Protein backbone atom coordinates (compact mmCIF):
# COMPACT_ATOMS: atom_id res chain seq x y z
CA MET A 1 41.87 26.07 -120.42
CA GLU A 2 44.85 24.30 -118.76
CA ARG A 3 45.33 20.89 -119.58
CA ASP A 4 46.18 17.99 -117.13
CA PHE A 5 49.66 16.74 -116.90
CA ASP A 6 48.76 13.13 -117.08
CA GLU A 7 46.45 13.69 -120.04
CA LEU A 8 49.36 15.76 -121.89
CA VAL A 9 51.86 12.96 -121.03
CA ALA A 10 49.72 10.06 -122.46
CA GLU A 11 48.84 12.06 -125.56
CA ALA A 12 52.45 12.77 -126.51
CA SER A 13 53.68 9.20 -125.52
CA ALA A 14 51.00 7.63 -127.70
CA ALA A 15 51.99 10.04 -130.81
CA SER A 16 53.98 8.43 -133.69
CA THR A 17 57.46 9.59 -134.01
CA GLU A 18 58.15 7.91 -137.57
CA GLY A 19 59.59 9.80 -140.35
CA TRP A 20 60.67 13.50 -140.07
CA ASP A 21 57.36 15.17 -139.82
CA PHE A 22 56.89 17.56 -136.90
CA SER A 23 53.24 18.70 -137.86
CA TRP A 24 52.06 17.12 -134.45
CA LEU A 25 53.62 20.03 -132.98
CA ASP A 26 51.58 22.57 -134.77
CA GLY A 27 49.94 24.98 -132.11
CA ARG A 28 52.14 23.33 -129.56
CA ALA A 29 55.64 24.58 -130.30
CA THR A 30 57.22 27.15 -132.80
CA GLU A 31 60.79 27.30 -134.25
CA GLU A 32 61.98 30.13 -136.41
CA ARG A 33 63.23 29.21 -139.82
CA PRO A 34 66.60 30.33 -141.12
CA GLU A 35 66.43 33.05 -143.68
CA TRP A 36 68.10 31.26 -146.40
CA GLY A 37 65.24 28.56 -146.89
CA TYR A 38 66.99 25.35 -147.15
CA GLN A 39 64.25 23.46 -149.23
CA ARG A 40 63.98 26.54 -151.61
CA LEU A 41 67.72 26.20 -152.22
CA LEU A 42 67.65 22.45 -152.56
CA GLN A 43 64.81 22.67 -155.22
CA GLY A 44 66.88 25.31 -157.29
CA ARG A 45 70.04 22.82 -157.10
CA LEU A 46 68.07 19.73 -158.13
CA ALA A 47 66.64 21.57 -161.08
CA SER A 48 69.98 22.24 -162.31
CA VAL A 49 71.62 18.66 -162.22
CA GLN A 50 71.15 15.38 -163.94
CA SER A 51 72.10 13.28 -160.79
CA ALA A 52 71.78 13.81 -156.92
CA LEU A 53 72.08 11.94 -153.69
CA ASP A 54 70.22 12.94 -150.44
CA LEU A 55 71.88 11.56 -147.38
CA GLU A 56 70.00 10.64 -144.20
CA THR A 57 66.72 11.48 -145.84
CA GLY A 58 64.70 10.61 -142.84
CA GLY A 59 61.07 9.94 -144.13
CA GLY A 60 61.94 11.61 -147.36
CA GLU A 61 59.64 14.59 -146.66
CA VAL A 62 62.08 17.32 -147.25
CA LEU A 63 63.35 15.73 -150.44
CA ALA A 64 59.92 15.06 -151.75
CA GLY A 65 58.98 18.73 -151.14
CA ALA A 66 61.79 19.96 -153.29
CA ALA A 67 60.58 17.95 -156.35
CA PRO A 68 60.75 17.69 -159.20
CA LEU A 69 63.74 15.45 -158.82
CA PRO A 70 66.61 14.99 -161.44
CA PRO A 71 66.58 11.93 -163.67
CA VAL A 72 68.96 10.10 -161.41
CA MET A 73 67.98 10.43 -157.72
CA ALA A 74 69.08 8.27 -154.77
CA ALA A 75 68.71 8.67 -150.92
CA THR A 76 70.16 6.87 -148.04
CA GLU A 77 68.67 6.07 -144.79
CA SER A 78 69.73 3.78 -141.83
CA TRP A 79 66.72 3.81 -139.27
CA PRO A 80 64.25 1.08 -140.53
CA PRO A 81 61.04 2.87 -139.84
CA ASN A 82 62.22 5.94 -141.69
CA LEU A 83 63.59 3.63 -144.56
CA ALA A 84 60.23 2.08 -145.08
CA LYS A 85 58.39 5.52 -145.13
CA ALA A 86 60.96 7.16 -147.26
CA THR A 87 60.87 4.32 -149.93
CA ASP A 88 57.04 4.52 -149.99
CA LEU A 89 57.13 8.24 -150.47
CA LEU A 90 60.05 8.96 -152.68
CA ARG A 91 59.35 6.02 -155.19
CA ARG A 92 56.43 8.11 -156.42
CA TYR A 93 58.95 10.73 -157.61
CA GLY A 94 61.34 8.37 -159.21
CA ALA A 95 63.85 8.21 -156.45
CA VAL A 96 65.63 5.02 -155.03
CA VAL A 97 66.39 4.69 -151.27
CA VAL A 98 69.15 2.71 -150.16
CA ARG A 99 69.74 1.53 -146.66
CA THR A 100 72.98 2.38 -145.13
CA VAL A 101 75.12 1.81 -142.15
CA GLU A 102 76.61 4.55 -140.02
CA GLY A 103 80.47 4.30 -140.42
CA ALA A 104 80.34 2.18 -143.61
CA PRO A 105 81.38 3.42 -147.15
CA LEU A 106 78.52 4.83 -149.42
CA PRO A 107 77.14 2.03 -151.53
CA PHE A 108 77.95 4.10 -154.68
CA ALA A 109 80.81 4.43 -157.28
CA ASP A 110 83.18 7.07 -157.32
CA ALA A 111 81.98 10.52 -158.94
CA ALA A 112 78.55 9.08 -159.31
CA PHE A 113 76.59 12.33 -158.61
CA ASP A 114 76.53 16.04 -159.73
CA LEU A 115 75.08 16.98 -156.14
CA VAL A 116 74.94 15.52 -152.65
CA THR A 117 72.81 17.14 -150.03
CA SER A 118 71.80 16.41 -146.44
CA ARG A 119 69.71 18.19 -144.17
CA HIS A 120 70.63 17.77 -140.24
CA PRO A 121 72.76 14.87 -140.73
CA VAL A 122 73.71 12.94 -137.51
CA ALA A 123 76.90 11.60 -138.87
CA GLU A 124 78.77 13.17 -141.71
CA ASP A 125 81.58 11.47 -143.63
CA MET A 126 83.01 14.33 -145.59
CA ALA A 127 85.69 11.93 -147.41
CA GLU A 128 82.85 9.74 -148.80
CA VAL A 129 80.86 12.84 -149.82
CA ALA A 130 84.01 14.02 -151.68
CA ARG A 131 84.40 10.46 -153.31
CA VAL A 132 80.80 10.26 -154.83
CA LEU A 133 80.81 13.73 -156.12
CA ARG A 134 81.96 14.26 -159.56
CA PRO A 135 84.62 16.92 -160.47
CA GLY A 136 82.74 20.12 -160.40
CA GLY A 137 80.05 18.58 -158.23
CA THR A 138 78.37 20.35 -155.13
CA TYR A 139 77.73 19.51 -151.53
CA LEU A 140 74.69 21.41 -149.99
CA SER A 141 73.75 20.85 -146.31
CA GLN A 142 71.94 22.47 -143.63
CA GLN A 143 73.32 21.33 -140.20
CA VAL A 144 72.42 21.56 -136.65
CA GLY A 145 74.62 24.24 -134.85
CA PRO A 146 76.47 24.39 -131.48
CA ALA A 147 74.55 24.07 -128.27
CA SER A 148 71.08 23.87 -130.30
CA VAL A 149 68.16 23.89 -128.06
CA PHE A 150 70.59 23.21 -124.96
CA GLU A 151 68.33 25.18 -122.66
CA LEU A 152 66.14 22.18 -122.84
CA VAL A 153 68.89 19.59 -122.83
CA GLU A 154 70.66 21.16 -119.76
CA PHE A 155 67.16 21.35 -117.89
CA PHE A 156 67.21 17.54 -118.00
CA LEU A 157 70.83 16.68 -117.82
CA GLY A 158 72.52 19.63 -116.13
CA PRO A 159 75.38 21.79 -117.68
CA GLN A 160 77.27 20.38 -120.44
CA PRO A 161 80.93 20.55 -121.16
CA ARG A 162 82.27 22.94 -123.78
CA GLU A 163 83.14 20.03 -126.11
CA VAL A 164 79.60 18.66 -126.08
CA ARG A 165 77.93 22.12 -126.46
CA HIS A 166 80.40 23.05 -129.27
CA ARG A 167 80.38 19.57 -131.11
CA ARG A 168 78.53 20.71 -134.16
CA ASP A 169 80.50 23.93 -134.94
CA PRO A 170 80.36 25.56 -138.37
CA ALA A 171 84.29 26.09 -138.25
CA LYS A 172 84.60 22.33 -137.81
CA GLY A 173 82.17 21.71 -140.63
CA ARG A 174 84.29 23.93 -142.87
CA ARG A 175 87.68 22.19 -141.74
CA SER A 176 86.21 18.80 -142.43
CA ALA A 177 84.96 19.81 -146.06
CA GLU A 178 88.41 21.39 -146.73
CA GLU A 179 90.29 18.23 -145.37
CA ALA A 180 88.34 16.10 -147.83
CA GLY A 181 89.46 18.30 -150.56
CA LEU A 182 86.23 20.26 -151.14
CA ARG A 183 86.13 24.16 -151.48
CA VAL A 184 83.75 25.87 -149.21
CA VAL A 185 81.74 28.51 -151.19
CA ASP A 186 79.28 29.51 -148.63
CA LEU A 187 78.82 29.23 -144.92
CA ARG A 188 75.96 30.80 -143.00
CA THR A 189 75.00 30.64 -139.41
CA ALA A 190 71.45 31.39 -137.65
CA SER A 191 70.34 31.66 -134.16
CA LEU A 192 66.63 30.90 -133.97
CA ARG A 193 63.93 31.29 -131.28
CA THR A 194 62.11 28.04 -130.24
CA GLU A 195 59.18 27.80 -127.84
CA PHE A 196 57.41 24.96 -126.25
CA PHE A 197 53.77 25.65 -125.14
CA ASP A 198 53.04 22.63 -123.04
CA ILE A 199 54.77 19.61 -121.69
CA GLY A 200 53.51 17.38 -124.54
CA ALA A 201 55.29 19.17 -126.93
CA VAL A 202 58.51 18.74 -125.03
CA ILE A 203 57.93 14.95 -124.73
CA PHE A 204 57.08 14.58 -128.39
CA PHE A 205 60.28 16.37 -129.26
CA LEU A 206 62.62 14.52 -126.93
CA ARG A 207 61.13 11.12 -128.20
CA LYS A 208 61.63 12.14 -131.97
CA VAL A 209 65.04 13.75 -131.72
CA ILE A 210 66.75 11.17 -129.65
CA TRP A 211 70.07 12.34 -129.40
CA MET A 212 69.09 15.60 -127.51
CA VAL A 213 68.55 13.42 -124.16
CA PRO A 214 69.76 10.12 -125.31
CA ASP A 215 68.29 8.31 -122.26
CA PHE A 216 65.07 10.11 -122.26
CA SER A 217 61.89 8.39 -121.24
CA VAL A 218 58.86 9.65 -119.49
CA GLU A 219 59.45 7.22 -116.57
CA ALA A 220 62.91 8.18 -116.18
CA TYR A 221 62.26 11.89 -116.13
CA LEU A 222 58.91 11.98 -114.65
CA PRO A 223 59.82 14.45 -111.61
CA LYS A 224 61.61 16.86 -114.16
CA LEU A 225 58.73 16.75 -116.51
CA ARG A 226 56.30 17.42 -113.96
CA ARG A 227 58.36 20.38 -112.67
CA LEU A 228 58.84 21.83 -116.30
CA HIS A 229 54.93 21.50 -116.76
CA GLU A 230 54.30 23.46 -113.66
CA ARG A 231 56.82 26.23 -114.89
CA ILE A 232 55.12 26.51 -118.17
CA GLN A 233 51.77 26.82 -116.57
CA ALA A 234 53.10 29.59 -114.29
CA GLU A 235 55.37 31.37 -116.68
CA GLY A 236 54.39 30.52 -120.15
CA PRO A 237 56.25 28.91 -123.13
CA PHE A 238 59.70 27.42 -122.40
CA VAL A 239 62.08 29.31 -124.72
CA ALA A 240 65.14 27.70 -126.20
CA THR A 241 67.71 28.66 -129.04
CA THR A 242 67.98 26.52 -132.06
CA THR A 243 71.20 26.98 -133.94
CA ARG A 244 71.73 26.14 -137.58
CA TYR A 245 74.33 26.51 -140.33
CA LEU A 246 74.33 26.13 -144.07
CA ILE A 247 77.37 24.81 -145.87
CA GLU A 248 78.03 24.57 -149.69
CA ALA A 249 81.09 23.12 -151.00
CA ARG A 250 82.44 22.21 -154.35
CA LYS A 251 84.83 19.46 -155.67
CA PRO A 252 87.53 20.93 -157.93
CA THR A 253 87.54 19.97 -161.53
């Protein structure tokens, strides 16, 4: 049974977007996962170190899912709603969550951690990552790749210039790590199918991943939302391509 546009809009607009939990999309959208399994890799790396730092931890869900955590475990987050959620969740696992400000130095001493990790960081300062890693330490990160879900972005914003489409390029990630003095030991990429089954899923996604369409609101994009709703009803799921890359780098001893 097809659901009414206004009903779907109201439901998605009322849904909480705190934390980094996408379970609201269960049954409404699907996204293939990279074959390397980031959380599984994270769990293995955490089990082998004594100290670790997780950058931009969101609501802490990914890090908590990789428990048990090492004896010294810190995480950072800058968005206040996520900060509160991550603090409440990760304190149960013995981790401390520290509020950070984008562009400011990390509030940790030089060579403080055996491992630094980050899943889908918005802003990455590789010089700071290298500074807080001990010699021989490892940086592990899964990143959003170039032009990820841009079929959806360009539906709302129109064609984007090349420099925007390729802002998150794995070659740039490698270069940034090497310029900070790290040695890249693994770099993998993946292109993955993503499907949105109703307009509510699109609205929730754009409300949660706010940098995709930075000025998004239902009111501002109502005509396009209605047109996309009609397209999904007539043609089936809206299909986009998610891109990801995995980078692992080491600080020389």
